[in-house]
Amino acid sequence: MAAISTVEWETFISRFPNPHILQTSPWGQLKADFGWQSARIASIDCGAQILIKRIFPGINFAYIPKGPVGHDWNQLWPEVDAFCRGKNCAFIKVEPDDWVSDDPKQVINNYNFSSQFVPSLYSIQPMRTLQVDLTGEETQILGRMKQKTRYNINLALKRNVIVKPQTELSTFYELMKITGQRDQFGIHSLAYYQRAFELFHTHDQCLLLIAEFEYTPISALIVFKAGNRAWYFYGGSSNLHRDRMPNYLVQWEAIRWAKTQGCCVYDLWGVPDVNLNTLETNFTSRSDGLWGVYRFKRGFGGELRRSAGPWDRVYNPILYRLYSLWMKYRKVEG
């Protein structure tokens, strides 16, 4: 077992039916181009793409997003430990590509995580998402949506909203900036989105869609795919013509594209980390954080799923404690 090349990693994960897109080499390259290091470790039956980032001068942390890939994870940890210690990592964070109930003990039972893993209070990826079932005909997918969402898709069509695929990202980025300012969230740089699109579009793994009204761009998104899954990671919209419901139509066209690509699941990527009853009770009265998008996303008929992570494996308890205090302070200040 050892660190392997990008080509060797792609050969390795091709043996498994449905690895997460965050474990593919294009994602590792994207993060490496923007401040992380990336490496891959694999044995016969198990492997992981590991990302590394500095948290203090000379001190790093390691991260396995939506992995490891394969079976019998316990065979991987000794090599991961040696690799992380060699990189001066205070700890490694693992966010598995699986779903659990709200009982954290289920994760330990499923994956035999040893006592060296501790449940983390801080995730990097959203803890909960809504996953839309793409099986069946388009009429069946529409039939699983909320009636209001179907209405809004049709309304956008009747009000002459047109959705087109594009390859130039400047318009998309302008819409992202508008949305970030309007909804008070941070966005990546144009260079980041361009690189993400370039890396995945080269392999026919993403699509940029722009919704227009009378040649004016009013909504956009980038949808990604790997295996039989698709993900909605990035999207933005104008303050103009919102009554024409372009966000619903552009999302529907992304779903239709994912369906044509053989995807069975469309992941809407990120809703508040509370149970379904709490979501349904409070979504009309809250708009903070991910609450602002839940009302929109819920209409597409997805199933609420909760991530099986995050879990931390600690190598330097003192530095890990300092990091945890820093994260807690940042959360309070933010």
Protein backbone atom coordinates (compact mmCIF):
# COMPACT_ATOMS: atom_id res chain seq x y z
CA MET A 1 0.00 0.00 0.00
CA ALA A 2 1.42 3.39 -0.97
CA ALA A 3 0.71 6.79 -2.47
CA ILE A 4 -0.17 6.38 -6.14
CA SER A 5 -0.35 8.58 -9.24
CA THR A 6 -3.45 10.26 -10.67
CA VAL A 7 -3.68 7.70 -13.47
CA GLU A 8 -3.33 4.82 -11.03
CA TRP A 9 -6.03 6.36 -8.83
CA GLU A 10 -8.48 6.64 -11.71
CA THR A 11 -7.82 3.00 -12.57
CA PHE A 12 -8.39 2.06 -8.94
CA ILE A 13 -11.71 3.87 -8.47
CA SER A 14 -12.98 2.60 -11.84
CA ARG A 15 -13.27 -0.80 -10.16
CA PHE A 16 -15.99 0.52 -7.88
CA PRO A 17 -19.47 1.20 -9.26
CA ASN A 18 -20.20 4.66 -7.91
CA PRO A 19 -17.45 6.67 -6.21
CA HIS A 20 -18.34 10.16 -5.04
CA ILE A 21 -17.27 13.03 -7.29
CA LEU A 22 -15.18 14.49 -4.44
CA GLN A 23 -13.00 11.38 -4.62
CA THR A 24 -12.26 11.76 -8.34
CA SER A 25 -8.91 13.06 -9.52
CA PRO A 26 -10.37 16.19 -11.20
CA TRP A 27 -11.68 17.29 -7.81
CA GLY A 28 -8.30 16.65 -6.23
CA GLN A 29 -6.65 18.70 -8.98
CA LEU A 30 -9.14 21.54 -8.48
CA LYS A 31 -8.36 21.74 -4.78
CA ALA A 32 -4.61 21.46 -5.47
CA ASP A 33 -4.88 24.46 -7.80
CA PHE A 34 -6.44 26.53 -5.00
CA GLY A 35 -4.41 26.12 -1.85
CA TRP A 36 -4.59 22.43 -0.93
CA GLN A 37 -2.23 19.53 -1.49
CA SER A 38 -3.73 16.31 -2.83
CA ALA A 39 -2.55 12.71 -2.62
CA ARG A 40 -4.03 9.25 -3.12
CA ILE A 41 -3.37 6.10 -1.12
CA ALA A 42 -4.72 2.71 -2.17
CA SER A 43 -4.50 -1.00 -1.47
CA ILE A 44 -6.27 -3.80 -3.30
CA ASP A 45 -9.69 -3.18 -1.81
CA CYS A 46 -9.64 0.31 -0.30
CA GLY A 47 -8.25 3.74 -1.04
CA ALA A 48 -8.68 7.43 -0.38
CA GLN A 49 -7.98 10.76 -2.00
CA ILE A 50 -6.58 12.94 0.78
CA LEU A 51 -6.51 16.74 0.80
CA ILE A 52 -4.08 18.63 3.03
CA LYS A 53 -4.15 22.26 4.14
CA ARG A 54 -2.15 24.38 6.57
CA ILE A 55 -3.93 25.51 9.75
CA PHE A 56 -0.94 26.90 11.69
CA PRO A 57 2.62 27.69 10.55
CA GLY A 58 4.26 24.33 9.84
CA ILE A 59 1.12 22.43 10.89
CA ASN A 60 -1.47 20.94 8.56
CA PHE A 61 -4.70 19.01 8.71
CA ALA A 62 -5.76 16.24 6.34
CA TYR A 63 -9.21 15.60 4.94
CA ILE A 64 -10.93 12.70 3.17
CA PRO A 65 -14.05 14.11 1.47
CA LYS A 66 -16.77 11.52 0.85
CA GLY A 67 -14.44 8.56 1.21
CA PRO A 68 -12.61 6.25 1.55
CA VAL A 69 -13.54 4.28 -1.57
CA GLY A 70 -13.88 0.51 -1.29
CA HIS A 71 -14.11 -2.03 1.51
CA ASP A 72 -12.37 -2.91 4.77
CA TRP A 73 -11.33 0.62 5.70
CA ASN A 74 -9.37 -0.60 8.71
CA GLN A 75 -6.58 -1.82 6.43
CA LEU A 76 -6.13 1.78 5.22
CA TRP A 77 -5.70 3.66 8.49
CA PRO A 78 -2.08 2.63 9.33
CA GLU A 79 -0.89 3.93 5.94
CA VAL A 80 -3.04 7.05 6.28
CA ASP A 81 -1.58 7.66 9.76
CA ALA A 82 1.99 7.35 8.48
CA PHE A 83 1.26 9.66 5.55
CA CYS A 84 -0.43 12.30 7.73
CA ARG A 85 2.33 12.28 10.34
CA GLY A 86 4.85 12.69 7.54
CA LYS A 87 2.95 15.79 6.47
CA ASN A 88 2.86 17.24 10.03
CA CYS A 89 -0.92 16.90 10.25
CA ALA A 90 -2.50 17.56 13.64
CA PHE A 91 -5.50 15.41 12.65
CA ILE A 92 -7.41 14.00 9.71
CA LYS A 93 -11.11 14.66 9.10
CA VAL A 94 -13.16 11.93 7.40
CA GLU A 95 -16.61 12.53 5.90
CA PRO A 96 -17.79 9.14 4.53
CA ASP A 97 -19.90 8.79 1.41
CA ASP A 98 -22.85 7.27 3.18
CA TRP A 99 -25.99 8.16 5.07
CA VAL A 100 -27.18 7.44 8.59
CA SER A 101 -30.00 8.13 10.96
CA ASP A 102 -29.67 10.89 13.54
CA ASP A 103 -28.01 8.42 15.92
CA PRO A 104 -24.20 8.93 15.63
CA LYS A 105 -23.57 5.46 17.13
CA GLN A 106 -24.78 3.96 13.86
CA VAL A 107 -21.69 5.26 12.08
CA ILE A 108 -19.35 3.54 14.52
CA ASN A 109 -21.25 0.28 14.12
CA ASN A 110 -21.27 0.51 10.33
CA TYR A 111 -17.61 1.29 9.81
CA ASN A 112 -15.90 -0.08 12.93
CA PHE A 113 -14.25 3.25 13.62
CA SER A 114 -11.85 2.72 16.48
CA SER A 115 -11.62 4.80 19.62
CA GLN A 116 -8.98 6.85 17.81
CA PHE A 117 -11.79 8.56 15.90
CA VAL A 118 -13.87 11.22 17.61
CA PRO A 119 -17.11 12.75 16.33
CA SER A 120 -16.40 16.26 15.07
CA LEU A 121 -18.54 19.34 15.61
CA TYR A 122 -17.36 20.85 12.34
CA SER A 123 -18.14 19.47 8.91
CA ILE A 124 -16.74 20.77 5.64
CA GLN A 125 -19.49 19.46 3.37
CA PRO A 126 -23.17 20.00 4.23
CA MET A 127 -24.43 17.44 6.73
CA ARG A 128 -27.83 17.09 5.07
CA THR A 129 -29.07 17.15 1.53
CA LEU A 130 -32.11 16.35 -0.56
CA GLN A 131 -31.69 13.65 -3.20
CA VAL A 132 -34.09 13.54 -6.13
CA ASP A 133 -34.95 10.10 -7.54
CA LEU A 134 -34.43 10.15 -11.33
CA THR A 135 -35.80 6.69 -12.04
CA GLY A 136 -38.82 6.41 -14.31
CA GLU A 137 -40.05 8.76 -17.01
CA GLU A 138 -39.93 12.54 -16.82
CA THR A 139 -43.62 12.61 -15.99
CA GLN A 140 -42.92 10.38 -12.99
CA ILE A 141 -40.07 12.63 -11.79
CA LEU A 142 -42.37 15.65 -12.11
CA GLY A 143 -45.12 13.73 -10.34
CA ARG A 144 -42.93 13.31 -7.26
CA MET A 145 -42.42 17.09 -7.00
CA LYS A 146 -44.56 19.51 -5.06
CA GLN A 147 -47.48 20.85 -7.08
CA LYS A 148 -46.21 24.43 -6.70
CA THR A 149 -42.81 23.49 -8.16
CA ARG A 150 -44.42 21.88 -11.21
CA TYR A 151 -46.54 25.01 -11.58
CA ASN A 152 -43.47 27.26 -11.43
CA ILE A 153 -41.62 25.20 -14.05
CA ASN A 154 -44.57 25.54 -16.40
CA LEU A 155 -44.94 29.23 -15.54
CA ALA A 156 -41.34 29.88 -16.58
CA LEU A 157 -42.00 28.19 -19.91
CA LYS A 158 -45.20 30.15 -20.47
CA ARG A 159 -43.41 33.40 -19.64
CA ASN A 160 -40.80 32.76 -22.33
CA VAL A 161 -37.82 31.84 -20.18
CA ILE A 162 -35.28 29.97 -22.32
CA VAL A 163 -32.51 27.75 -20.93
CA LYS A 164 -29.33 27.22 -22.94
CA PRO A 165 -26.06 25.36 -22.31
CA GLN A 166 -22.99 27.62 -22.29
CA THR A 167 -19.24 27.21 -21.94
CA GLU A 168 -18.23 30.80 -21.06
CA LEU A 169 -18.49 31.53 -17.33
CA SER A 170 -18.43 35.33 -17.02
CA THR A 171 -22.23 35.61 -17.08
CA PHE A 172 -22.55 32.80 -14.57
CA TYR A 173 -20.08 34.54 -12.28
CA GLU A 174 -21.95 37.85 -12.44
CA LEU A 175 -25.12 36.05 -11.39
CA MET A 176 -23.22 34.33 -8.57
CA LYS A 177 -22.00 37.71 -7.30
CA ILE A 178 -25.53 39.11 -7.33
CA THR A 179 -26.83 36.11 -5.41
CA GLY A 180 -24.01 36.22 -2.87
CA GLN A 181 -24.70 39.89 -2.16
CA ARG A 182 -28.45 39.37 -1.99
CA ASP A 183 -28.39 36.27 0.21
CA GLN A 184 -25.26 37.12 2.22
CA PHE A 185 -23.00 34.16 1.44
CA GLY A 186 -19.44 33.93 0.15
CA ILE A 187 -18.58 32.73 -3.32
CA HIS A 188 -15.44 31.45 -5.03
CA SER A 189 -13.40 33.45 -7.53
CA LEU A 190 -14.15 33.37 -11.24
CA ALA A 191 -10.87 31.48 -11.71
CA TYR A 192 -12.10 28.75 -9.33
CA TYR A 193 -15.36 28.21 -11.22
CA GLN A 194 -13.54 28.30 -14.56
CA ARG A 195 -11.06 25.66 -13.41
CA ALA A 196 -13.82 23.43 -11.99
CA PHE A 197 -15.75 23.67 -15.24
CA GLU A 198 -12.64 23.03 -17.33
CA LEU A 199 -11.57 19.95 -15.36
CA PHE A 200 -14.97 18.25 -15.42
CA HIS A 201 -16.29 19.46 -18.77
CA THR A 202 -13.25 17.91 -20.46
CA HIS A 203 -14.57 14.53 -19.27
CA ASP A 204 -18.25 15.36 -20.03
CA GLN A 205 -18.93 15.46 -16.30
CA CYS A 206 -20.54 18.87 -15.96
CA LEU A 207 -22.87 21.28 -17.72
CA LEU A 208 -23.38 25.04 -17.42
CA LEU A 209 -26.96 26.19 -18.00
CA ILE A 210 -28.07 29.82 -18.39
CA ALA A 211 -31.73 30.89 -18.26
CA GLU A 212 -32.60 33.99 -20.29
CA PHE A 213 -35.58 36.24 -20.86
CA GLU A 214 -35.44 38.35 -23.98
CA TYR A 215 -31.68 37.66 -24.23
CA THR A 216 -31.07 38.85 -20.66
CA PRO A 217 -29.41 36.20 -18.42
CA ILE A 218 -31.46 35.80 -15.24
CA SER A 219 -30.45 32.43 -13.72
CA ALA A 220 -27.61 29.94 -14.04
CA LEU A 221 -26.18 26.78 -12.52
CA ILE A 222 -23.44 24.21 -13.00
CA VAL A 223 -24.41 20.56 -12.58
CA PHE A 224 -21.78 17.83 -12.12
CA LYS A 225 -21.96 14.07 -12.52
CA ALA A 226 -19.94 10.97 -11.68
CA GLY A 227 -21.15 7.42 -12.06
CA ASN A 228 -24.92 7.37 -11.75
CA ARG A 229 -25.15 10.47 -9.55
CA ALA A 230 -25.40 14.19 -10.30
CA TRP A 231 -24.83 17.17 -7.98
CA TYR A 232 -26.04 20.76 -7.97
CA PHE A 233 -23.09 22.60 -6.41
CA TYR A 234 -23.24 26.15 -7.77
CA GLY A 235 -26.05 28.42 -8.90
CA GLY A 236 -27.02 32.08 -9.00
CA SER A 237 -29.76 34.38 -10.24
CA SER A 238 -30.47 37.98 -11.12
CA ASN A 239 -32.70 40.35 -9.19
CA LEU A 240 -34.61 40.89 -12.46
CA HIS A 241 -37.61 38.89 -13.64
CA ARG A 242 -37.76 36.70 -10.57
CA ASP A 243 -41.53 36.50 -11.06
CA ARG A 244 -40.85 34.43 -14.17
CA MET A 245 -39.47 31.60 -11.99
CA PRO A 246 -36.27 30.97 -13.97
CA ASN A 247 -34.59 29.12 -11.08
CA TYR A 248 -37.19 26.36 -11.29
CA LEU A 249 -36.83 25.89 -15.02
CA VAL A 250 -33.02 25.89 -15.03
CA GLN A 251 -33.05 23.32 -12.22
CA TRP A 252 -35.50 21.17 -14.14
CA GLU A 253 -33.30 21.31 -17.25
CA ALA A 254 -30.32 20.23 -15.12
CA ILE A 255 -32.36 17.30 -13.83
CA ARG A 256 -33.33 16.38 -17.39
CA TRP A 257 -29.67 16.48 -18.47
CA ALA A 258 -28.64 14.28 -15.54
CA LYS A 259 -31.34 11.82 -16.52
CA THR A 260 -30.03 11.65 -20.11
CA GLN A 261 -26.54 10.98 -18.71
CA GLY A 262 -27.76 7.82 -17.00
CA CYS A 263 -27.94 9.31 -13.50
CA CYS A 264 -30.38 7.80 -11.03
CA VAL A 265 -29.92 10.43 -8.30
CA TYR A 266 -29.77 14.24 -8.39
CA ASP A 267 -28.24 15.69 -5.23
CA LEU A 268 -29.41 19.20 -4.34
CA TRP A 269 -26.47 19.56 -1.92
CA GLY A 270 -27.13 21.34 1.31
CA VAL A 271 -30.12 22.00 3.58
CA PRO A 272 -30.24 22.81 7.32
CA ASP A 273 -28.96 20.05 9.59
CA VAL A 274 -32.22 19.28 11.38
CA ASN A 275 -34.76 16.51 11.03
CA LEU A 276 -37.61 16.57 8.51
CA ASN A 277 -40.27 17.53 11.02
CA THR A 278 -38.25 20.56 12.13
CA LEU A 279 -37.60 21.55 8.53
CA GLU A 280 -41.25 21.37 7.58
CA THR A 281 -42.37 23.19 10.71
CA ASN A 282 -39.97 26.11 10.34
CA PHE A 283 -39.12 26.67 6.67
CA THR A 284 -41.79 29.34 6.14
CA SER A 285 -40.54 31.48 9.03
CA ARG A 286 -36.75 31.17 8.64
CA SER A 287 -34.41 32.40 5.92
CA ASP A 288 -31.01 32.37 7.67
CA GLY A 289 -28.18 30.13 6.46
CA LEU A 290 -29.35 27.13 4.45
CA TRP A 291 -32.94 27.79 5.47
CA GLY A 292 -33.11 30.30 2.65
CA VAL A 293 -32.72 27.58 0.01
CA TYR A 294 -34.68 24.79 1.69
CA ARG A 295 -38.07 26.19 0.63
CA PHE A 296 -36.90 26.12 -2.98
CA LYS A 297 -35.16 22.74 -2.88
CA ARG A 298 -37.92 20.89 -1.02
CA GLY A 299 -40.26 21.38 -3.96
CA PHE A 300 -38.31 19.00 -6.19
CA GLY A 301 -39.44 15.98 -4.21
CA GLY A 302 -36.07 14.84 -2.89
CA GLU A 303 -35.46 12.50 0.02
CA LEU A 304 -33.79 14.03 3.08
CA ARG A 305 -30.46 12.31 3.81
CA ARG A 306 -27.92 12.85 6.61
CA SER A 307 -24.17 12.37 6.17
CA ALA A 308 -22.24 9.71 8.08
CA GLY A 309 -19.61 12.23 9.15
CA PRO A 310 -17.56 14.10 10.12
CA TRP A 311 -15.10 12.10 12.20
CA ASP A 312 -11.62 13.22 13.28
CA ARG A 313 -8.55 11.04 13.89
CA VAL A 314 -6.23 13.04 16.16
CA TYR A 315 -2.42 12.93 15.94
CA ASN A 316 -1.57 15.97 18.08
CA PRO A 317 -4.13 16.47 20.90
CA ILE A 318 -2.80 19.89 21.94
CA LEU A 319 -2.91 21.37 18.44
CA TYR A 320 -6.28 19.71 17.81
CA ARG A 321 -7.63 21.41 20.93
CA LEU A 322 -6.30 24.77 19.74
CA TYR A 323 -7.89 24.20 16.35
CA SER A 324 -11.24 23.30 17.94
CA LEU A 325 -11.17 26.45 20.06
CA TRP A 326 -10.33 28.52 17.01
CA MET A 327 -13.23 27.00 15.06
CA LYS A 328 -15.60 27.63 17.97
CA TYR A 329 -14.47 31.27 18.16
CA ARG A 330 -14.87 31.68 14.40
CA LYS A 331 -18.40 30.28 14.55
CA VAL A 332 -19.39 32.66 17.35
CA GLU A 333 -17.80 35.64 15.60
CA GLY A 334 -19.37 34.72 12.28
